[in-house]
Amino acid sequence: MPSNLRVILPLLVLAALAVVFVIGLQGDPRKLPSVFIDKPAPAFSLPELSEGKPVVTPESLRGKVWLLNVFASWCQACVAEHPHLLELAKQNRVELVGLAYKDEPEDTRAWLAARGNPYSRIAVDRDGLVGIDYGVYGVPETFVIDGNGVIRYKAVGPVDEGFFREHVEPLLAQGGK
């Protein structure tokens, strides 16, 4: 191998890796693709966090737009989004269902007692199997589900004040479909 090729080849490989790296940094890490968009929400039946209440199922929410917010007491990013969820709950325009993901019920109760409870229902997913069915990468994640039970949007990471306006209001304006 000629000596100048020994120098040029590694430089070309390094330049190609740099281009791939820069392209990778251009994407928004909160916009992870989901195969569930425009597909029916996976069915589940989980116990409600509040004892004595019925189990939570997507079928029981049929006919209305609702949000499934996957959270946990051990999640630091969930603390950041929580004030936005409390504000959303005050508006009372959409049902907000919590999915306590891989969490102990007593830890979830204590976390909500300290911060407030924005959820109309809280499903307990102790083993994380429902989260797996929904393709959850981590917490928090929020799914927007229309009146037909179809997932219309998936937010990865904490939601902010623009989330409702951008991803939920249009569905409500269309009658939830």
N, C-alpha and C. Protein backbone atom coordinates (compact mmCIF):
# COMPACT_ATOMS: atom_id res chain seq x y z
N MET A 1 0.85 -1.17 0.00
CA MET A 1 0.00 0.00 0.00
C MET A 1 0.90 1.23 0.00
N PRO A 2 0.67 2.18 -0.92
CA PRO A 2 1.48 3.39 -0.95
C PRO A 2 1.36 4.16 0.36
N SER A 3 2.40 4.84 0.75
CA SER A 3 2.43 5.53 2.05
C SER A 3 1.41 6.65 2.15
N ASN A 4 1.15 7.37 1.05
CA ASN A 4 0.14 8.45 1.14
C ASN A 4 -1.27 7.88 1.29
N LEU A 5 -1.53 6.67 0.81
CA LEU A 5 -2.84 6.02 0.98
C LEU A 5 -3.06 5.62 2.43
N ARG A 6 -1.97 5.27 3.13
CA ARG A 6 -2.07 4.93 4.55
C ARG A 6 -2.51 6.14 5.38
N VAL A 7 -2.23 7.31 4.91
CA VAL A 7 -2.63 8.54 5.61
C VAL A 7 -4.02 8.99 5.17
N ILE A 8 -4.28 8.90 3.88
CA ILE A 8 -5.54 9.40 3.31
C ILE A 8 -6.72 8.52 3.71
N LEU A 9 -6.57 7.21 3.68
CA LEU A 9 -7.67 6.29 3.99
C LEU A 9 -8.23 6.51 5.41
N PRO A 10 -7.40 6.55 6.44
CA PRO A 10 -7.97 6.82 7.78
C PRO A 10 -8.64 8.20 7.87
N LEU A 11 -8.08 9.18 7.17
CA LEU A 11 -8.71 10.51 7.18
C LEU A 11 -10.08 10.49 6.51
N LEU A 12 -10.22 9.73 5.43
CA LEU A 12 -11.51 9.60 4.76
C LEU A 12 -12.54 8.90 5.65
N VAL A 13 -12.10 7.86 6.32
CA VAL A 13 -12.99 7.14 7.25
C VAL A 13 -13.42 8.06 8.38
N LEU A 14 -12.49 8.82 8.94
CA LEU A 14 -12.80 9.77 10.00
C LEU A 14 -13.77 10.85 9.52
N ALA A 15 -13.57 11.35 8.31
CA ALA A 15 -14.46 12.37 7.76
C ALA A 15 -15.87 11.80 7.56
N ALA A 16 -15.96 10.55 7.08
CA ALA A 16 -17.27 9.92 6.90
C ALA A 16 -17.99 9.74 8.24
N LEU A 17 -17.26 9.33 9.26
CA LEU A 17 -17.86 9.19 10.58
C LEU A 17 -18.33 10.53 11.13
N ALA A 18 -17.56 11.58 10.88
CA ALA A 18 -17.95 12.92 11.34
C ALA A 18 -19.24 13.35 10.67
N VAL A 19 -19.39 13.07 9.38
CA VAL A 19 -20.62 13.43 8.66
C VAL A 19 -21.81 12.67 9.25
N VAL A 20 -21.66 11.39 9.49
CA VAL A 20 -22.73 10.58 10.08
C VAL A 20 -23.10 11.13 11.46
N PHE A 21 -22.13 11.48 12.25
CA PHE A 21 -22.35 12.03 13.59
C PHE A 21 -23.12 13.35 13.52
N VAL A 22 -22.72 14.25 12.63
CA VAL A 22 -23.39 15.55 12.50
C VAL A 22 -24.83 15.36 12.03
N ILE A 23 -25.06 14.47 11.10
CA ILE A 23 -26.43 14.19 10.63
C ILE A 23 -27.28 13.64 11.77
N GLY A 24 -26.71 12.77 12.57
CA GLY A 24 -27.43 12.20 13.70
C GLY A 24 -27.81 13.24 14.73
N LEU A 25 -27.01 14.26 14.90
CA LEU A 25 -27.32 15.31 15.86
C LEU A 25 -28.40 16.27 15.39
N GLN A 26 -28.74 16.22 14.11
CA GLN A 26 -29.75 17.13 13.56
C GLN A 26 -31.17 16.73 13.97
N GLY A 27 -31.40 15.48 14.28
CA GLY A 27 -32.74 15.01 14.62
C GLY A 27 -33.15 15.42 16.02
N ASP A 28 -34.45 15.43 16.25
CA ASP A 28 -35.00 15.73 17.57
C ASP A 28 -35.16 14.40 18.32
N PRO A 29 -34.43 14.22 19.44
CA PRO A 29 -34.51 12.94 20.15
C PRO A 29 -35.89 12.67 20.74
N ARG A 30 -36.74 13.69 20.87
CA ARG A 30 -38.10 13.49 21.38
C ARG A 30 -39.03 12.94 20.32
N LYS A 31 -38.60 12.93 19.07
CA LYS A 31 -39.45 12.44 17.99
C LYS A 31 -38.97 11.07 17.53
N LEU A 32 -39.16 10.09 18.39
CA LEU A 32 -38.82 8.73 18.04
C LEU A 32 -39.98 8.13 17.26
N PRO A 33 -39.70 7.44 16.20
CA PRO A 33 -40.80 6.87 15.41
C PRO A 33 -41.57 5.82 16.21
N SER A 34 -42.84 5.73 15.94
CA SER A 34 -43.66 4.72 16.60
C SER A 34 -44.52 4.02 15.57
N VAL A 35 -44.50 2.71 15.60
CA VAL A 35 -45.33 1.93 14.68
C VAL A 35 -46.80 1.98 15.08
N PHE A 36 -47.09 2.55 16.26
CA PHE A 36 -48.46 2.56 16.76
C PHE A 36 -49.28 3.75 16.28
N ILE A 37 -48.64 4.76 15.68
CA ILE A 37 -49.37 5.93 15.22
C ILE A 37 -50.37 5.49 14.14
N ASP A 38 -51.62 5.95 14.30
CA ASP A 38 -52.74 5.62 13.41
C ASP A 38 -53.14 4.14 13.47
N LYS A 39 -52.78 3.49 14.57
CA LYS A 39 -53.19 2.10 14.81
C LYS A 39 -54.00 2.05 16.11
N PRO A 40 -54.86 1.06 16.26
CA PRO A 40 -55.62 0.94 17.52
C PRO A 40 -54.70 0.81 18.73
N ALA A 41 -55.08 1.47 19.80
CA ALA A 41 -54.32 1.37 21.04
C ALA A 41 -54.37 -0.07 21.52
N PRO A 42 -53.23 -0.63 21.92
CA PRO A 42 -53.24 -2.01 22.43
C PRO A 42 -54.19 -2.16 23.63
N ALA A 43 -54.90 -3.26 23.64
CA ALA A 43 -55.84 -3.54 24.72
C ALA A 43 -55.07 -3.91 25.98
N PHE A 44 -55.62 -3.54 27.11
CA PHE A 44 -55.07 -3.96 28.40
C PHE A 44 -56.17 -3.89 29.44
N SER A 45 -55.95 -4.56 30.53
CA SER A 45 -56.84 -4.50 31.68
C SER A 45 -55.95 -4.51 32.91
N LEU A 46 -55.87 -3.36 33.56
CA LEU A 46 -54.99 -3.21 34.72
C LEU A 46 -55.77 -2.72 35.93
N PRO A 47 -55.32 -3.08 37.12
CA PRO A 47 -55.98 -2.56 38.31
C PRO A 47 -55.77 -1.05 38.44
N GLU A 48 -56.75 -0.40 39.02
CA GLU A 48 -56.70 1.04 39.31
C GLU A 48 -55.89 1.23 40.59
N LEU A 49 -55.11 2.31 40.66
CA LEU A 49 -54.29 2.59 41.84
C LEU A 49 -55.15 2.75 43.09
N SER A 50 -56.29 3.42 42.95
CA SER A 50 -57.21 3.59 44.08
C SER A 50 -57.98 2.31 44.28
N GLU A 51 -57.76 1.68 45.40
CA GLU A 51 -58.41 0.41 45.67
C GLU A 51 -59.92 0.58 45.68
N GLY A 52 -60.59 -0.41 45.18
CA GLY A 52 -62.04 -0.37 45.14
C GLY A 52 -62.58 0.18 43.83
N LYS A 53 -61.73 0.81 43.02
CA LYS A 53 -62.18 1.30 41.72
C LYS A 53 -62.00 0.19 40.69
N PRO A 54 -62.77 0.24 39.59
CA PRO A 54 -62.67 -0.82 38.59
C PRO A 54 -61.34 -0.78 37.85
N VAL A 55 -61.06 -1.85 37.14
CA VAL A 55 -59.85 -1.91 36.33
C VAL A 55 -59.94 -0.88 35.22
N VAL A 56 -58.79 -0.49 34.69
CA VAL A 56 -58.72 0.48 33.61
C VAL A 56 -58.50 -0.29 32.30
N THR A 57 -59.32 0.03 31.30
CA THR A 57 -59.18 -0.56 29.97
C THR A 57 -59.35 0.54 28.92
N PRO A 58 -58.66 0.44 27.79
CA PRO A 58 -58.91 1.40 26.72
C PRO A 58 -60.36 1.38 26.24
N GLU A 59 -60.97 0.22 26.26
CA GLU A 59 -62.37 0.10 25.79
C GLU A 59 -63.31 0.96 26.65
N SER A 60 -63.00 1.09 27.94
CA SER A 60 -63.86 1.89 28.81
C SER A 60 -63.78 3.39 28.49
N LEU A 61 -62.81 3.78 27.67
CA LEU A 61 -62.62 5.19 27.29
C LEU A 61 -63.07 5.46 25.86
N ARG A 62 -63.62 4.46 25.22
CA ARG A 62 -64.06 4.57 23.83
C ARG A 62 -65.08 5.71 23.70
N GLY A 63 -64.96 6.46 22.62
CA GLY A 63 -65.91 7.54 22.36
C GLY A 63 -65.40 8.92 22.75
N LYS A 64 -64.23 8.98 23.42
CA LYS A 64 -63.68 10.28 23.79
C LYS A 64 -62.18 10.30 23.56
N VAL A 65 -61.67 11.50 23.32
CA VAL A 65 -60.23 11.67 23.22
C VAL A 65 -59.65 11.55 24.62
N TRP A 66 -58.55 10.82 24.76
CA TRP A 66 -57.91 10.68 26.07
C TRP A 66 -56.40 10.58 25.90
N LEU A 67 -55.72 10.84 26.98
CA LEU A 67 -54.27 10.78 27.00
C LEU A 67 -53.84 9.67 27.95
N LEU A 68 -52.85 8.91 27.53
CA LEU A 68 -52.23 7.91 28.39
C LEU A 68 -50.83 8.43 28.71
N ASN A 69 -50.63 8.84 29.95
CA ASN A 69 -49.34 9.37 30.38
C ASN A 69 -48.61 8.31 31.20
N VAL A 70 -47.48 7.84 30.66
CA VAL A 70 -46.67 6.82 31.33
C VAL A 70 -45.70 7.55 32.24
N PHE A 71 -45.75 7.25 33.54
CA PHE A 71 -44.93 7.95 34.52
C PHE A 71 -44.50 6.98 35.62
N ALA A 72 -43.61 7.45 36.50
CA ALA A 72 -43.17 6.64 37.64
C ALA A 72 -42.64 7.57 38.73
N SER A 73 -42.72 7.12 39.96
CA SER A 73 -42.24 7.92 41.08
C SER A 73 -40.73 8.09 41.05
N TRP A 74 -40.02 7.19 40.40
CA TRP A 74 -38.56 7.24 40.33
C TRP A 74 -38.05 8.06 39.14
N CYS A 75 -38.96 8.65 38.38
CA CYS A 75 -38.62 9.35 37.14
C CYS A 75 -38.40 10.85 37.40
N GLN A 76 -37.18 11.33 37.17
CA GLN A 76 -36.88 12.75 37.37
C GLN A 76 -37.54 13.63 36.31
N ALA A 77 -37.60 13.18 35.07
CA ALA A 77 -38.24 13.98 34.02
C ALA A 77 -39.75 14.11 34.25
N CYS A 78 -40.33 13.16 34.95
CA CYS A 78 -41.76 13.23 35.26
C CYS A 78 -42.05 14.41 36.18
N VAL A 79 -41.11 14.75 37.03
CA VAL A 79 -41.26 15.91 37.92
C VAL A 79 -41.36 17.18 37.08
N ALA A 80 -40.57 17.27 36.01
CA ALA A 80 -40.56 18.45 35.15
C ALA A 80 -41.88 18.64 34.42
N GLU A 81 -42.50 17.55 33.97
CA GLU A 81 -43.74 17.69 33.21
C GLU A 81 -44.98 17.79 34.10
N HIS A 82 -44.86 17.42 35.35
CA HIS A 82 -46.03 17.32 36.23
C HIS A 82 -46.84 18.62 36.33
N PRO A 83 -46.22 19.80 36.47
CA PRO A 83 -47.03 21.02 36.51
C PRO A 83 -47.88 21.23 35.26
N HIS A 84 -47.37 20.81 34.10
CA HIS A 84 -48.14 20.93 32.86
C HIS A 84 -49.34 19.98 32.88
N LEU A 85 -49.16 18.80 33.44
CA LEU A 85 -50.28 17.86 33.55
C LEU A 85 -51.33 18.37 34.53
N LEU A 86 -50.89 18.96 35.62
CA LEU A 86 -51.85 19.54 36.59
C LEU A 86 -52.67 20.65 35.93
N GLU A 87 -52.00 21.48 35.14
CA GLU A 87 -52.70 22.56 34.43
C GLU A 87 -53.68 21.99 33.41
N LEU A 88 -53.27 20.96 32.70
CA LEU A 88 -54.14 20.30 31.73
C LEU A 88 -55.37 19.72 32.42
N ALA A 89 -55.18 19.13 33.58
CA ALA A 89 -56.30 18.55 34.33
C ALA A 89 -57.28 19.63 34.76
N LYS A 90 -56.78 20.81 35.14
CA LYS A 90 -57.66 21.92 35.54
C LYS A 90 -58.58 22.35 34.41
N GLN A 91 -58.09 22.25 33.17
CA GLN A 91 -58.90 22.65 32.01
C GLN A 91 -60.07 21.70 31.79
N ASN A 92 -59.94 20.46 32.23
CA ASN A 92 -61.00 19.46 32.16
C ASN A 92 -61.58 19.30 30.75
N ARG A 93 -60.70 19.31 29.76
CA ARG A 93 -61.15 19.18 28.37
C ARG A 93 -60.86 17.81 27.78
N VAL A 94 -59.98 17.06 28.44
CA VAL A 94 -59.61 15.74 27.95
C VAL A 94 -59.31 14.85 29.15
N GLU A 95 -59.65 13.59 29.03
CA GLU A 95 -59.39 12.66 30.13
C GLU A 95 -57.92 12.28 30.13
N LEU A 96 -57.30 12.40 31.28
CA LEU A 96 -55.88 12.10 31.46
C LEU A 96 -55.77 10.85 32.32
N VAL A 97 -55.27 9.78 31.70
CA VAL A 97 -55.11 8.50 32.38
C VAL A 97 -53.62 8.28 32.63
N GLY A 98 -53.27 7.97 33.85
CA GLY A 98 -51.88 7.69 34.19
C GLY A 98 -51.60 6.20 34.11
N LEU A 99 -50.40 5.87 33.67
CA LEU A 99 -49.94 4.49 33.68
C LEU A 99 -48.69 4.47 34.56
N ALA A 100 -48.88 4.00 35.80
CA ALA A 100 -47.77 3.91 36.76
C ALA A 100 -46.88 2.75 36.33
N TYR A 101 -45.75 3.08 35.72
CA TYR A 101 -44.90 2.13 35.02
C TYR A 101 -43.79 1.60 35.92
N LYS A 102 -43.79 0.29 36.12
CA LYS A 102 -42.75 -0.39 36.92
C LYS A 102 -42.53 0.32 38.25
N ASP A 103 -43.61 0.58 38.93
CA ASP A 103 -43.57 1.33 40.18
C ASP A 103 -44.36 0.58 41.24
N GLU A 104 -43.97 0.75 42.48
CA GLU A 104 -44.73 0.19 43.59
C GLU A 104 -45.91 1.11 43.89
N PRO A 105 -47.11 0.57 44.06
CA PRO A 105 -48.28 1.41 44.30
C PRO A 105 -48.10 2.40 45.46
N GLU A 106 -47.46 1.97 46.55
CA GLU A 106 -47.29 2.90 47.67
C GLU A 106 -46.34 4.05 47.31
N ASP A 107 -45.34 3.79 46.45
CA ASP A 107 -44.44 4.85 45.98
C ASP A 107 -45.19 5.82 45.07
N THR A 108 -46.04 5.28 44.20
CA THR A 108 -46.84 6.12 43.31
C THR A 108 -47.78 7.01 44.12
N ARG A 109 -48.45 6.43 45.11
CA ARG A 109 -49.37 7.21 45.95
C ARG A 109 -48.63 8.34 46.68
N ALA A 110 -47.47 8.05 47.23
CA ALA A 110 -46.71 9.06 47.96
C ALA A 110 -46.24 10.17 47.01
N TRP A 111 -45.81 9.80 45.81
CA TRP A 111 -45.34 10.77 44.83
C TRP A 111 -46.47 11.72 44.43
N LEU A 112 -47.66 11.15 44.18
CA LEU A 112 -48.81 11.97 43.81
C LEU A 112 -49.31 12.81 44.98
N ALA A 113 -49.24 12.28 46.19
CA ALA A 113 -49.66 13.04 47.37
C ALA A 113 -48.78 14.27 47.55
N ALA A 114 -47.51 14.14 47.24
CA ALA A 114 -46.57 15.26 47.40
C ALA A 114 -46.71 16.29 46.28
N ARG A 115 -47.16 15.88 45.08
CA ARG A 115 -47.15 16.77 43.92
C ARG A 115 -48.53 17.12 43.38
N GLY A 116 -49.55 16.38 43.78
CA GLY A 116 -50.89 16.56 43.22
C GLY A 116 -51.17 15.48 42.20
N ASN A 117 -52.45 15.18 42.03
CA ASN A 117 -52.86 14.12 41.12
C ASN A 117 -53.67 14.69 39.97
N PRO A 118 -53.09 14.74 38.76
CA PRO A 118 -53.82 15.26 37.61
C PRO A 118 -54.69 14.21 36.90
N TYR A 119 -54.58 12.96 37.31
CA TYR A 119 -55.18 11.86 36.56
C TYR A 119 -56.61 11.56 37.01
N SER A 120 -57.47 11.24 36.03
CA SER A 120 -58.82 10.79 36.35
C SER A 120 -58.80 9.32 36.76
N ARG A 121 -57.84 8.58 36.21
CA ARG A 121 -57.64 7.17 36.51
C ARG A 121 -56.15 6.88 36.46
N ILE A 122 -55.73 5.92 37.25
CA ILE A 122 -54.32 5.52 37.23
C ILE A 122 -54.26 4.00 37.19
N ALA A 123 -53.72 3.49 36.09
CA ALA A 123 -53.55 2.05 35.92
C ALA A 123 -52.17 1.67 36.45
N VAL A 124 -52.10 0.56 37.16
CA VAL A 124 -50.85 0.09 37.76
C VAL A 124 -50.24 -0.98 36.86
N ASP A 125 -49.08 -0.66 36.27
CA ASP A 125 -48.36 -1.57 35.38
C ASP A 125 -47.04 -1.96 36.06
N ARG A 126 -47.16 -2.74 37.13
CA ARG A 126 -45.98 -3.07 37.96
C ARG A 126 -44.89 -3.80 37.20
N ASP A 127 -45.26 -4.71 36.32
CA ASP A 127 -44.25 -5.49 35.60
C ASP A 127 -43.83 -4.86 34.27
N GLY A 128 -44.51 -3.78 33.86
CA GLY A 128 -44.14 -3.06 32.64
C GLY A 128 -44.60 -3.69 31.35
N LEU A 129 -45.44 -4.72 31.41
CA LEU A 129 -45.85 -5.40 30.19
C LEU A 129 -46.73 -4.53 29.29
N VAL A 130 -47.61 -3.71 29.88
CA VAL A 130 -48.43 -2.82 29.06
C VAL A 130 -47.54 -1.77 28.40
N GLY A 131 -46.57 -1.28 29.14
CA GLY A 131 -45.60 -0.35 28.55
C GLY A 131 -44.90 -0.95 27.35
N ILE A 132 -44.54 -2.22 27.46
CA ILE A 132 -43.91 -2.91 26.33
C ILE A 132 -44.89 -2.98 25.16
N ASP A 133 -46.16 -3.31 25.44
CA ASP A 133 -47.16 -3.38 24.37
C ASP A 133 -47.32 -2.05 23.64
N TYR A 134 -47.10 -0.95 24.34
CA TYR A 134 -47.22 0.39 23.75
C TYR A 134 -45.89 0.88 23.16
N GLY A 135 -44.85 0.08 23.26
CA GLY A 135 -43.56 0.48 22.71
C GLY A 135 -42.88 1.58 23.50
N VAL A 136 -43.07 1.58 24.81
CA VAL A 136 -42.49 2.61 25.66
C VAL A 136 -40.98 2.45 25.70
N TYR A 137 -40.27 3.54 25.42
CA TYR A 137 -38.80 3.56 25.48
C TYR A 137 -38.33 3.89 26.88
N GLY A 138 -39.10 4.72 27.57
CA GLY A 138 -38.75 5.18 28.91
C GLY A 138 -39.85 6.10 29.40
N VAL A 139 -39.70 6.63 30.57
CA VAL A 139 -40.71 7.54 31.10
C VAL A 139 -40.14 8.94 31.22
N PRO A 140 -40.96 9.94 31.05
CA PRO A 140 -42.37 9.91 30.69
C PRO A 140 -42.58 9.78 29.18
N GLU A 141 -43.70 9.23 28.83
CA GLU A 141 -44.20 9.20 27.46
C GLU A 141 -45.71 9.42 27.54
N THR A 142 -46.25 10.10 26.54
CA THR A 142 -47.67 10.41 26.53
C THR A 142 -48.25 10.07 25.17
N PHE A 143 -49.35 9.32 25.18
CA PHE A 143 -50.04 8.92 23.96
C PHE A 143 -51.36 9.67 23.86
N VAL A 144 -51.64 10.22 22.68
CA VAL A 144 -52.92 10.87 22.40
C VAL A 144 -53.76 9.84 21.66
N ILE A 145 -54.93 9.51 22.22
CA ILE A 145 -55.78 8.46 21.66
C ILE A 145 -57.15 9.06 21.34
N ASP A 146 -57.61 8.86 20.12
CA ASP A 146 -58.87 9.47 19.69
C ASP A 146 -60.08 8.67 20.15
N GLY A 147 -61.26 9.16 19.83
CA GLY A 147 -62.51 8.55 20.26
C GLY A 147 -62.75 7.16 19.70
N ASN A 148 -62.04 6.81 18.63
CA ASN A 148 -62.15 5.47 18.06
C ASN A 148 -61.13 4.51 18.65
N GLY A 149 -60.33 4.99 19.61
CA GLY A 149 -59.32 4.14 20.23
C GLY A 149 -58.04 4.02 19.42
N VAL A 150 -57.79 5.00 18.55
CA VAL A 150 -56.62 4.98 17.69
C VAL A 150 -55.57 5.96 18.23
N ILE A 151 -54.32 5.52 18.30
CA ILE A 151 -53.23 6.39 18.76
C ILE A 151 -52.92 7.39 17.65
N ARG A 152 -53.00 8.67 17.99
CA ARG A 152 -52.75 9.73 17.01
C ARG A 152 -51.40 10.42 17.18
N TYR A 153 -50.82 10.33 18.37
CA TYR A 153 -49.54 10.98 18.62
C TYR A 153 -48.88 10.34 19.82
N LYS A 154 -47.55 10.34 19.80
CA LYS A 154 -46.78 9.84 20.94
C LYS A 154 -45.70 10.87 21.27
N ALA A 155 -45.74 11.37 22.49
CA ALA A 155 -44.72 12.30 22.97
C ALA A 155 -43.73 11.54 23.82
N VAL A 156 -42.46 11.64 23.48
CA VAL A 156 -41.40 11.01 24.25
C VAL A 156 -40.73 12.10 25.07
N GLY A 157 -40.65 11.90 26.38
CA GLY A 157 -40.09 12.91 27.27
C GLY A 157 -41.20 13.78 27.84
N PRO A 158 -40.82 14.76 28.64
CA PRO A 158 -41.83 15.61 29.29
C PRO A 158 -42.63 16.43 28.29
N VAL A 159 -43.95 16.49 28.50
CA VAL A 159 -44.78 17.38 27.69
C VAL A 159 -44.65 18.80 28.24
N ASP A 160 -44.93 19.78 27.38
CA ASP A 160 -44.84 21.16 27.82
C ASP A 160 -46.18 21.86 27.60
N GLU A 161 -46.20 23.17 27.80
CA GLU A 161 -47.47 23.92 27.71
C GLU A 161 -48.05 23.91 26.30
N GLY A 162 -47.26 23.72 25.27
CA GLY A 162 -47.77 23.70 23.91
C GLY A 162 -48.30 22.35 23.46
N PHE A 163 -48.06 21.32 24.24
CA PHE A 163 -48.46 19.96 23.87
C PHE A 163 -49.97 19.87 23.59
N PHE A 164 -50.80 20.37 24.51
CA PHE A 164 -52.25 20.26 24.36
C PHE A 164 -52.72 21.00 23.11
N ARG A 165 -52.25 22.23 22.97
CA ARG A 165 -52.65 23.07 21.84
C ARG A 165 -52.28 22.42 20.50
N GLU A 166 -51.11 21.84 20.45
CA GLU A 166 -50.59 21.30 19.20
C GLU A 166 -51.13 19.91 18.85
N HIS A 167 -51.31 19.06 19.85
CA HIS A 167 -51.62 17.65 19.55
C HIS A 167 -52.99 17.16 20.02
N VAL A 168 -53.64 17.89 20.92
CA VAL A 168 -54.93 17.43 21.43
C VAL A 168 -56.08 18.29 20.91
N GLU A 169 -55.93 19.60 20.97
CA GLU A 169 -57.01 20.50 20.52
C GLU A 169 -57.49 20.19 19.11
N PRO A 170 -56.59 19.92 18.14
CA PRO A 170 -57.10 19.60 16.80
C PRO A 170 -58.03 18.39 16.77
N LEU A 171 -57.74 17.38 17.58
CA LEU A 171 -58.62 16.21 17.65
C LEU A 171 -59.97 16.57 18.25
N LEU A 172 -59.95 17.38 19.32
CA LEU A 172 -61.20 17.78 19.95
C LEU A 172 -62.03 18.61 18.97
N ALA A 173 -61.39 19.46 18.19
CA ALA A 173 -62.09 20.30 17.22
C ALA A 173 -62.75 19.46 16.13
N GLN A 174 -62.18 18.29 15.84
CA GLN A 174 -62.74 17.39 14.82
C GLN A 174 -63.78 16.43 15.41
N GLY A 175 -64.13 16.64 16.64
CA GLY A 175 -65.10 15.77 17.30
C GLY A 175 -64.48 14.51 17.85
N GLY A 176 -63.17 14.49 18.04
CA GLY A 176 -62.51 13.36 18.67
C GLY A 176 -62.14 12.22 17.75
N LYS A 177 -62.35 12.40 16.48
CA LYS A 177 -62.06 11.31 15.52
C LYS A 177 -60.79 11.58 14.74
